[in-house]
N, C-alpha and C. Protein backbone atom coordinates (compact mmCIF):
# COMPACT_ATOMS: atom_id res chain seq x y z
N MET A 1 0.86 -1.18 0.00
CA MET A 1 0.00 0.00 0.00
C MET A 1 0.90 1.25 0.00
N GLN A 2 0.58 2.22 -0.82
CA GLN A 2 1.43 3.40 -0.90
C GLN A 2 1.27 4.28 0.35
N SER A 3 2.28 5.10 0.62
CA SER A 3 2.33 5.93 1.83
C SER A 3 1.09 6.79 2.04
N LYS A 4 0.63 7.45 0.99
CA LYS A 4 -0.53 8.36 1.09
C LYS A 4 -1.78 7.59 1.54
N LYS A 5 -1.98 6.39 0.98
CA LYS A 5 -3.14 5.59 1.36
C LYS A 5 -3.06 5.16 2.82
N ILE A 6 -1.86 4.79 3.26
CA ILE A 6 -1.67 4.40 4.66
C ILE A 6 -1.92 5.60 5.57
N GLN A 7 -1.39 6.76 5.20
CA GLN A 7 -1.63 7.97 5.99
C GLN A 7 -3.12 8.25 6.13
N ASP A 8 -3.85 8.18 5.02
CA ASP A 8 -5.28 8.45 5.04
C ASP A 8 -6.02 7.43 5.90
N LEU A 9 -5.67 6.16 5.77
CA LEU A 9 -6.31 5.11 6.55
C LEU A 9 -6.04 5.30 8.05
N VAL A 10 -4.80 5.56 8.41
CA VAL A 10 -4.45 5.75 9.82
C VAL A 10 -5.13 7.01 10.36
N TYR A 11 -5.20 8.05 9.55
CA TYR A 11 -5.88 9.28 9.97
C TYR A 11 -7.34 8.96 10.33
N THR A 12 -8.01 8.22 9.47
CA THR A 12 -9.41 7.86 9.70
C THR A 12 -9.57 7.01 10.97
N LEU A 13 -8.65 6.07 11.19
CA LEU A 13 -8.71 5.23 12.39
C LEU A 13 -8.39 6.02 13.66
N ALA A 14 -7.41 6.91 13.58
CA ALA A 14 -6.91 7.60 14.77
C ALA A 14 -7.75 8.79 15.20
N LYS A 15 -8.39 9.45 14.26
CA LYS A 15 -9.12 10.70 14.56
C LYS A 15 -10.11 10.56 15.73
N PRO A 16 -11.04 9.58 15.70
CA PRO A 16 -11.98 9.50 16.82
C PRO A 16 -11.31 9.17 18.16
N VAL A 17 -10.27 8.37 18.11
CA VAL A 17 -9.54 7.99 19.33
C VAL A 17 -8.85 9.21 19.94
N VAL A 18 -8.21 10.02 19.11
CA VAL A 18 -7.51 11.21 19.56
C VAL A 18 -8.51 12.23 20.11
N GLU A 19 -9.61 12.43 19.39
CA GLU A 19 -10.62 13.40 19.82
C GLU A 19 -11.29 12.97 21.13
N GLU A 20 -11.42 11.67 21.33
CA GLU A 20 -11.98 11.15 22.58
C GLU A 20 -11.12 11.55 23.77
N LYS A 21 -9.84 11.75 23.54
CA LYS A 21 -8.91 12.15 24.60
C LYS A 21 -8.85 13.67 24.76
N GLY A 22 -9.72 14.39 24.03
CA GLY A 22 -9.77 15.85 24.14
C GLY A 22 -8.68 16.55 23.35
N LEU A 23 -8.15 15.86 22.34
CA LEU A 23 -7.06 16.39 21.52
C LEU A 23 -7.49 16.51 20.07
N GLU A 24 -6.69 17.21 19.30
CA GLU A 24 -6.92 17.35 17.86
C GLU A 24 -5.87 16.53 17.11
N LEU A 25 -6.30 15.78 16.12
CA LEU A 25 -5.36 15.07 15.27
C LEU A 25 -4.87 16.05 14.21
N ALA A 26 -3.63 16.51 14.36
CA ALA A 26 -3.09 17.54 13.49
C ALA A 26 -2.48 16.97 12.21
N GLY A 27 -2.20 15.68 12.18
CA GLY A 27 -1.65 15.10 10.96
C GLY A 27 -1.10 13.70 11.18
N VAL A 28 -0.90 13.02 10.06
CA VAL A 28 -0.30 11.69 10.05
C VAL A 28 0.71 11.67 8.93
N GLU A 29 1.86 11.12 9.21
CA GLU A 29 2.93 11.03 8.22
C GLU A 29 3.48 9.61 8.24
N TYR A 30 3.62 9.02 7.07
CA TYR A 30 4.20 7.68 6.96
C TYR A 30 5.33 7.77 5.95
N VAL A 31 6.56 7.69 6.45
CA VAL A 31 7.73 7.92 5.60
C VAL A 31 8.82 6.88 5.84
N LYS A 32 9.62 6.69 4.81
CA LYS A 32 10.79 5.81 4.93
C LYS A 32 12.02 6.70 5.06
N GLU A 33 12.78 6.45 6.11
CA GLU A 33 14.03 7.18 6.34
C GLU A 33 15.12 6.14 6.49
N GLY A 34 16.02 6.10 5.52
CA GLY A 34 17.02 5.05 5.51
C GLY A 34 16.32 3.72 5.33
N PRO A 35 16.69 2.72 6.11
CA PRO A 35 16.05 1.41 5.96
C PRO A 35 14.73 1.27 6.73
N ASN A 36 14.37 2.28 7.53
CA ASN A 36 13.22 2.17 8.43
C ASN A 36 12.01 3.00 7.99
N TRP A 37 10.82 2.49 8.30
CA TRP A 37 9.57 3.21 8.09
C TRP A 37 9.13 3.82 9.41
N TYR A 38 8.58 5.04 9.35
CA TYR A 38 8.09 5.76 10.52
C TYR A 38 6.65 6.19 10.31
N LEU A 39 5.82 5.89 11.28
CA LEU A 39 4.44 6.37 11.29
C LEU A 39 4.39 7.43 12.38
N ARG A 40 4.18 8.67 11.95
CA ARG A 40 4.16 9.79 12.89
C ARG A 40 2.74 10.33 13.01
N ILE A 41 2.28 10.40 14.23
CA ILE A 41 0.97 10.94 14.55
C ILE A 41 1.21 12.28 15.25
N TYR A 42 0.64 13.34 14.70
CA TYR A 42 0.80 14.67 15.30
C TYR A 42 -0.50 15.08 15.97
N ILE A 43 -0.40 15.43 17.26
CA ILE A 43 -1.57 15.82 18.04
C ILE A 43 -1.39 17.24 18.56
N ASP A 44 -2.52 17.89 18.85
CA ASP A 44 -2.46 19.27 19.32
C ASP A 44 -3.64 19.54 20.24
N LYS A 45 -3.53 20.61 21.01
CA LYS A 45 -4.64 21.14 21.80
C LYS A 45 -4.32 22.59 22.13
N GLU A 46 -5.35 23.33 22.51
CA GLU A 46 -5.22 24.77 22.76
C GLU A 46 -4.08 25.10 23.72
N THR A 47 -3.95 24.35 24.79
CA THR A 47 -2.95 24.65 25.82
C THR A 47 -1.59 24.02 25.53
N GLY A 48 -1.48 23.35 24.41
CA GLY A 48 -0.22 22.69 24.05
C GLY A 48 -0.20 21.24 24.51
N VAL A 49 0.58 20.45 23.83
CA VAL A 49 0.67 19.02 24.08
C VAL A 49 1.83 18.75 25.03
N ASP A 50 1.61 17.86 25.99
CA ASP A 50 2.71 17.48 26.88
C ASP A 50 3.07 16.00 26.68
N HIS A 51 4.09 15.57 27.38
CA HIS A 51 4.59 14.20 27.25
C HIS A 51 3.50 13.18 27.58
N GLU A 52 2.70 13.47 28.58
CA GLU A 52 1.63 12.54 28.99
C GLU A 52 0.61 12.36 27.87
N ASP A 53 0.26 13.46 27.18
CA ASP A 53 -0.67 13.37 26.05
C ASP A 53 -0.12 12.44 24.97
N CYS A 54 1.15 12.62 24.64
CA CYS A 54 1.79 11.80 23.61
C CYS A 54 1.84 10.33 24.02
N GLU A 55 2.17 10.09 25.27
CA GLU A 55 2.26 8.72 25.78
C GLU A 55 0.89 8.03 25.74
N THR A 56 -0.14 8.74 26.19
CA THR A 56 -1.50 8.18 26.20
C THR A 56 -1.95 7.83 24.79
N VAL A 57 -1.79 8.76 23.86
CA VAL A 57 -2.21 8.52 22.47
C VAL A 57 -1.39 7.40 21.85
N SER A 58 -0.11 7.37 22.14
CA SER A 58 0.76 6.33 21.59
C SER A 58 0.28 4.94 22.00
N ARG A 59 -0.05 4.77 23.28
CA ARG A 59 -0.53 3.46 23.76
C ARG A 59 -1.83 3.06 23.07
N VAL A 60 -2.78 4.00 23.01
CA VAL A 60 -4.09 3.70 22.43
C VAL A 60 -3.97 3.40 20.93
N ILE A 61 -3.22 4.22 20.22
CA ILE A 61 -3.06 4.04 18.77
C ILE A 61 -2.30 2.74 18.48
N SER A 62 -1.29 2.45 19.26
CA SER A 62 -0.52 1.22 19.08
C SER A 62 -1.43 0.00 19.21
N ASP A 63 -2.28 -0.02 20.25
CA ASP A 63 -3.22 -1.13 20.44
C ASP A 63 -4.20 -1.22 19.26
N LEU A 64 -4.71 -0.07 18.82
CA LEU A 64 -5.66 -0.04 17.71
C LEU A 64 -5.02 -0.58 16.43
N LEU A 65 -3.80 -0.14 16.14
CA LEU A 65 -3.10 -0.59 14.93
C LEU A 65 -2.74 -2.07 15.01
N ASP A 66 -2.44 -2.56 16.21
CA ASP A 66 -2.17 -3.99 16.37
C ASP A 66 -3.42 -4.81 16.04
N LYS A 67 -4.59 -4.31 16.45
CA LYS A 67 -5.85 -5.02 16.18
C LYS A 67 -6.21 -4.97 14.70
N LYS A 68 -6.16 -3.78 14.11
CA LYS A 68 -6.56 -3.59 12.71
C LYS A 68 -5.50 -4.07 11.73
N ASP A 69 -4.24 -3.94 12.11
CA ASP A 69 -3.08 -4.36 11.32
C ASP A 69 -3.12 -3.88 9.86
N PRO A 70 -3.25 -2.54 9.63
CA PRO A 70 -3.34 -2.04 8.27
C PRO A 70 -1.99 -1.88 7.54
N ILE A 71 -0.89 -2.03 8.28
CA ILE A 71 0.44 -1.80 7.69
C ILE A 71 1.21 -3.11 7.71
N GLN A 72 1.62 -3.55 6.52
CA GLN A 72 2.27 -4.86 6.39
C GLN A 72 3.71 -4.88 6.93
N GLN A 73 4.51 -3.86 6.56
CA GLN A 73 5.91 -3.87 6.98
C GLN A 73 6.06 -3.33 8.40
N SER A 74 7.20 -3.60 9.00
CA SER A 74 7.44 -3.08 10.35
C SER A 74 7.73 -1.58 10.26
N TYR A 75 7.42 -0.87 11.34
CA TYR A 75 7.59 0.58 11.37
C TYR A 75 7.74 1.02 12.82
N PHE A 76 8.20 2.24 13.00
CA PHE A 76 8.29 2.84 14.31
C PHE A 76 7.14 3.84 14.44
N LEU A 77 6.42 3.78 15.55
CA LEU A 77 5.33 4.72 15.82
C LEU A 77 5.86 5.85 16.68
N GLU A 78 5.63 7.08 16.24
CA GLU A 78 6.01 8.26 17.00
C GLU A 78 4.78 9.16 17.14
N VAL A 79 4.54 9.68 18.33
CA VAL A 79 3.45 10.61 18.58
C VAL A 79 4.05 11.87 19.17
N SER A 80 3.73 13.03 18.56
CA SER A 80 4.29 14.30 19.04
C SER A 80 3.38 15.46 18.67
N SER A 81 3.77 16.65 19.12
CA SER A 81 3.06 17.86 18.70
C SER A 81 3.46 18.17 17.27
N PRO A 82 2.66 18.95 16.54
CA PRO A 82 2.98 19.23 15.14
C PRO A 82 4.18 20.14 14.94
N GLY A 83 4.56 20.90 15.95
CA GLY A 83 5.74 21.76 15.86
C GLY A 83 5.52 22.99 15.00
N ILE A 84 6.57 23.76 14.85
CA ILE A 84 6.53 25.03 14.11
C ILE A 84 6.25 24.82 12.64
N GLU A 85 6.83 23.78 12.05
CA GLU A 85 6.65 23.51 10.62
C GLU A 85 5.63 22.38 10.43
N ARG A 86 4.47 22.55 11.05
CA ARG A 86 3.45 21.52 11.05
C ARG A 86 2.97 21.19 9.64
N ILE A 87 2.56 19.95 9.46
CA ILE A 87 1.97 19.49 8.21
C ILE A 87 0.52 19.99 8.18
N LEU A 88 0.09 20.47 7.03
CA LEU A 88 -1.29 20.87 6.83
C LEU A 88 -1.96 19.77 6.00
N GLN A 89 -3.02 19.17 6.55
CA GLN A 89 -3.68 18.07 5.86
C GLN A 89 -5.18 18.26 5.71
N THR A 90 -5.80 18.89 6.68
CA THR A 90 -7.25 18.96 6.68
C THR A 90 -7.74 20.32 6.18
N GLU A 91 -9.00 20.37 5.82
CA GLU A 91 -9.60 21.65 5.40
C GLU A 91 -9.52 22.65 6.54
N LYS A 92 -9.69 22.16 7.77
CA LYS A 92 -9.58 23.03 8.96
C LYS A 92 -8.18 23.66 9.02
N ASP A 93 -7.14 22.85 8.76
CA ASP A 93 -5.76 23.38 8.75
C ASP A 93 -5.60 24.46 7.70
N PHE A 94 -6.07 24.18 6.49
CA PHE A 94 -5.90 25.13 5.39
C PHE A 94 -6.64 26.43 5.67
N ASN A 95 -7.82 26.36 6.27
CA ASN A 95 -8.56 27.57 6.63
C ASN A 95 -7.87 28.33 7.76
N LYS A 96 -7.40 27.60 8.76
CA LYS A 96 -6.75 28.21 9.93
C LYS A 96 -5.46 28.93 9.55
N PHE A 97 -4.73 28.38 8.60
CA PHE A 97 -3.42 28.94 8.27
C PHE A 97 -3.38 29.66 6.92
N LYS A 98 -4.55 30.02 6.40
CA LYS A 98 -4.61 30.80 5.16
C LYS A 98 -3.82 32.09 5.35
N SER A 99 -3.12 32.52 4.31
CA SER A 99 -2.28 33.72 4.30
C SER A 99 -0.97 33.55 5.05
N ARG A 100 -0.64 32.34 5.47
CA ARG A 100 0.65 32.07 6.11
C ARG A 100 1.62 31.51 5.08
N GLN A 101 2.90 31.62 5.38
CA GLN A 101 3.95 31.08 4.52
C GLN A 101 3.94 29.56 4.64
N ILE A 102 3.99 28.88 3.48
CA ILE A 102 4.01 27.43 3.45
C ILE A 102 5.10 26.93 2.50
N VAL A 103 5.43 25.67 2.65
CA VAL A 103 6.31 24.97 1.71
C VAL A 103 5.50 23.80 1.17
N VAL A 104 5.42 23.73 -0.16
CA VAL A 104 4.68 22.67 -0.83
C VAL A 104 5.68 21.72 -1.46
N HIS A 105 5.56 20.44 -1.12
CA HIS A 105 6.40 19.39 -1.70
C HIS A 105 5.57 18.67 -2.76
N LEU A 106 6.11 18.58 -3.96
CA LEU A 106 5.39 17.96 -5.09
C LEU A 106 5.92 16.56 -5.38
N TYR A 107 5.06 15.72 -5.93
CA TYR A 107 5.49 14.39 -6.35
C TYR A 107 6.43 14.47 -7.55
N THR A 108 6.12 15.36 -8.50
CA THR A 108 6.95 15.54 -9.69
C THR A 108 7.29 17.03 -9.82
N PRO A 109 8.43 17.33 -10.40
CA PRO A 109 8.86 18.74 -10.48
C PRO A 109 7.92 19.63 -11.29
N PHE A 110 7.77 20.86 -10.84
CA PHE A 110 7.07 21.91 -11.55
C PHE A 110 8.11 22.96 -11.91
N GLU A 111 8.34 23.14 -13.20
CA GLU A 111 9.38 24.05 -13.69
C GLU A 111 10.72 23.76 -12.99
N GLY A 112 11.03 22.47 -12.88
CA GLY A 112 12.32 22.03 -12.34
C GLY A 112 12.40 21.98 -10.82
N GLN A 113 11.32 22.30 -10.12
CA GLN A 113 11.36 22.30 -8.66
C GLN A 113 10.30 21.36 -8.07
N LYS A 114 10.72 20.62 -7.04
CA LYS A 114 9.78 19.75 -6.33
C LYS A 114 9.35 20.39 -5.01
N LYS A 115 9.93 21.54 -4.68
CA LYS A 115 9.61 22.23 -3.44
C LYS A 115 9.36 23.70 -3.76
N LEU A 116 8.17 24.18 -3.41
CA LEU A 116 7.78 25.56 -3.68
C LEU A 116 7.42 26.25 -2.37
N LYS A 117 7.79 27.53 -2.25
CA LYS A 117 7.48 28.29 -1.05
C LYS A 117 6.66 29.51 -1.45
N GLY A 118 5.66 29.81 -0.63
CA GLY A 118 4.83 30.98 -0.88
C GLY A 118 3.78 31.13 0.19
N THR A 119 2.80 31.97 -0.09
CA THR A 119 1.71 32.24 0.85
C THR A 119 0.50 31.41 0.46
N LEU A 120 -0.09 30.76 1.45
CA LEU A 120 -1.26 29.92 1.21
C LEU A 120 -2.46 30.79 0.87
N GLY A 121 -3.06 30.47 -0.27
CA GLY A 121 -4.28 31.15 -0.69
C GLY A 121 -5.48 30.24 -0.51
N ASN A 122 -6.42 30.32 -1.42
CA ASN A 122 -7.62 29.50 -1.35
C ASN A 122 -7.30 28.04 -1.64
N VAL A 123 -8.01 27.16 -0.96
CA VAL A 123 -7.84 25.72 -1.14
C VAL A 123 -9.22 25.09 -1.26
N ASN A 124 -9.35 24.18 -2.22
CA ASN A 124 -10.56 23.37 -2.30
C ASN A 124 -10.13 21.92 -2.51
N LYS A 125 -11.06 21.03 -2.77
CA LYS A 125 -10.72 19.61 -2.90
C LYS A 125 -9.79 19.32 -4.07
N GLU A 126 -9.84 20.15 -5.11
CA GLU A 126 -9.03 19.91 -6.31
C GLU A 126 -7.74 20.72 -6.37
N THR A 127 -7.74 21.96 -5.87
CA THR A 127 -6.57 22.83 -6.05
C THR A 127 -6.16 23.56 -4.79
N LEU A 128 -4.90 23.97 -4.80
CA LEU A 128 -4.33 24.81 -3.76
C LEU A 128 -3.73 26.02 -4.45
N GLU A 129 -4.04 27.20 -3.94
CA GLU A 129 -3.53 28.45 -4.51
C GLU A 129 -2.29 28.85 -3.71
N LEU A 130 -1.22 29.15 -4.44
CA LEU A 130 0.04 29.54 -3.81
C LEU A 130 0.48 30.87 -4.39
N GLN A 131 0.60 31.90 -3.53
CA GLN A 131 1.10 33.19 -3.97
C GLN A 131 2.61 33.21 -3.76
N LEU A 132 3.32 33.38 -4.84
CA LEU A 132 4.78 33.36 -4.80
C LEU A 132 5.33 34.71 -4.37
N GLU A 133 6.57 34.69 -3.88
CA GLU A 133 7.22 35.92 -3.41
C GLU A 133 7.39 36.96 -4.51
N ASN A 134 7.49 36.50 -5.77
CA ASN A 134 7.68 37.44 -6.89
C ASN A 134 6.35 38.04 -7.37
N GLY A 135 5.27 37.74 -6.64
CA GLY A 135 3.97 38.29 -7.00
C GLY A 135 3.13 37.37 -7.87
N GLY A 136 3.72 36.31 -8.38
CA GLY A 136 2.99 35.35 -9.20
C GLY A 136 2.07 34.49 -8.35
N GLU A 137 1.16 33.83 -9.03
CA GLU A 137 0.22 32.96 -8.34
C GLU A 137 0.12 31.63 -9.08
N LEU A 138 0.12 30.53 -8.34
CA LEU A 138 -0.01 29.21 -8.93
C LEU A 138 -1.26 28.53 -8.41
N GLN A 139 -1.92 27.80 -9.29
CA GLN A 139 -3.01 26.90 -8.92
C GLN A 139 -2.43 25.50 -9.04
N LEU A 140 -2.19 24.84 -7.92
CA LEU A 140 -1.61 23.51 -7.94
C LEU A 140 -2.69 22.46 -7.73
N SER A 141 -2.65 21.42 -8.54
CA SER A 141 -3.59 20.32 -8.38
C SER A 141 -3.22 19.55 -7.11
N ARG A 142 -4.19 19.32 -6.24
CA ARG A 142 -3.91 18.67 -4.95
C ARG A 142 -3.39 17.25 -5.12
N ASP A 143 -3.75 16.58 -6.21
CA ASP A 143 -3.24 15.21 -6.40
C ASP A 143 -1.78 15.19 -6.81
N LYS A 144 -1.19 16.33 -7.13
CA LYS A 144 0.23 16.44 -7.46
C LYS A 144 1.07 16.82 -6.24
N ILE A 145 0.39 17.11 -5.11
CA ILE A 145 1.06 17.58 -3.90
C ILE A 145 1.32 16.42 -2.95
N ALA A 146 2.59 16.23 -2.60
CA ALA A 146 2.97 15.18 -1.65
C ALA A 146 2.73 15.64 -0.21
N GLN A 147 3.04 16.92 0.06
CA GLN A 147 2.94 17.41 1.43
C GLN A 147 2.93 18.93 1.45
N VAL A 148 2.22 19.50 2.42
CA VAL A 148 2.22 20.94 2.66
C VAL A 148 2.58 21.17 4.11
N ARG A 149 3.56 22.03 4.34
CA ARG A 149 3.99 22.36 5.71
C ARG A 149 3.99 23.86 5.90
N LEU A 150 3.77 24.30 7.14
CA LEU A 150 3.99 25.70 7.46
C LEU A 150 5.48 25.97 7.32
N ALA A 151 5.83 27.14 6.83
CA ALA A 151 7.24 27.53 6.72
C ALA A 151 7.62 28.26 7.99
N TRP A 152 8.77 27.97 8.48
CA TRP A 152 9.28 28.65 9.67
C TRP A 152 9.68 30.05 9.28
N GLU A 153 9.09 31.02 9.94
CA GLU A 153 9.38 32.42 9.64
C GLU A 153 10.23 33.01 10.75
N GLU A 154 11.37 33.59 10.38
CA GLU A 154 12.25 34.19 11.38
C GLU A 154 11.84 35.61 11.65
């Protein structure tokens, strides 16, 4: 199963469990780094996430994934806060962070680049609007986008 499908499946499984604990599921990432696969669950709440929140969610999600067994290969499960460069995945994220600086990672290069930086504009199910620093604007097809993250602004 490809990474995006696993991410979507785990997101669907984890969302009600995380919300039951009074937390927000901020994102799911399934990536291969070196020889190992990592399943990262990002959680958030108004007052900030602490170690206990991460530990609680990790135990519950680990048990759930053991029962459902949606991932064939072995992987490491990590649960943490989304951090400064959080992944944007949901419509709620895109609305909350509209007009903020983002970095868009593409599956295939656009004009020779697989990574684009700009200001998040309008987003719908099919497209994401990106305002570039040079004043240009791009309409990117969402199925061509591998990942969207907030850009760290100094």
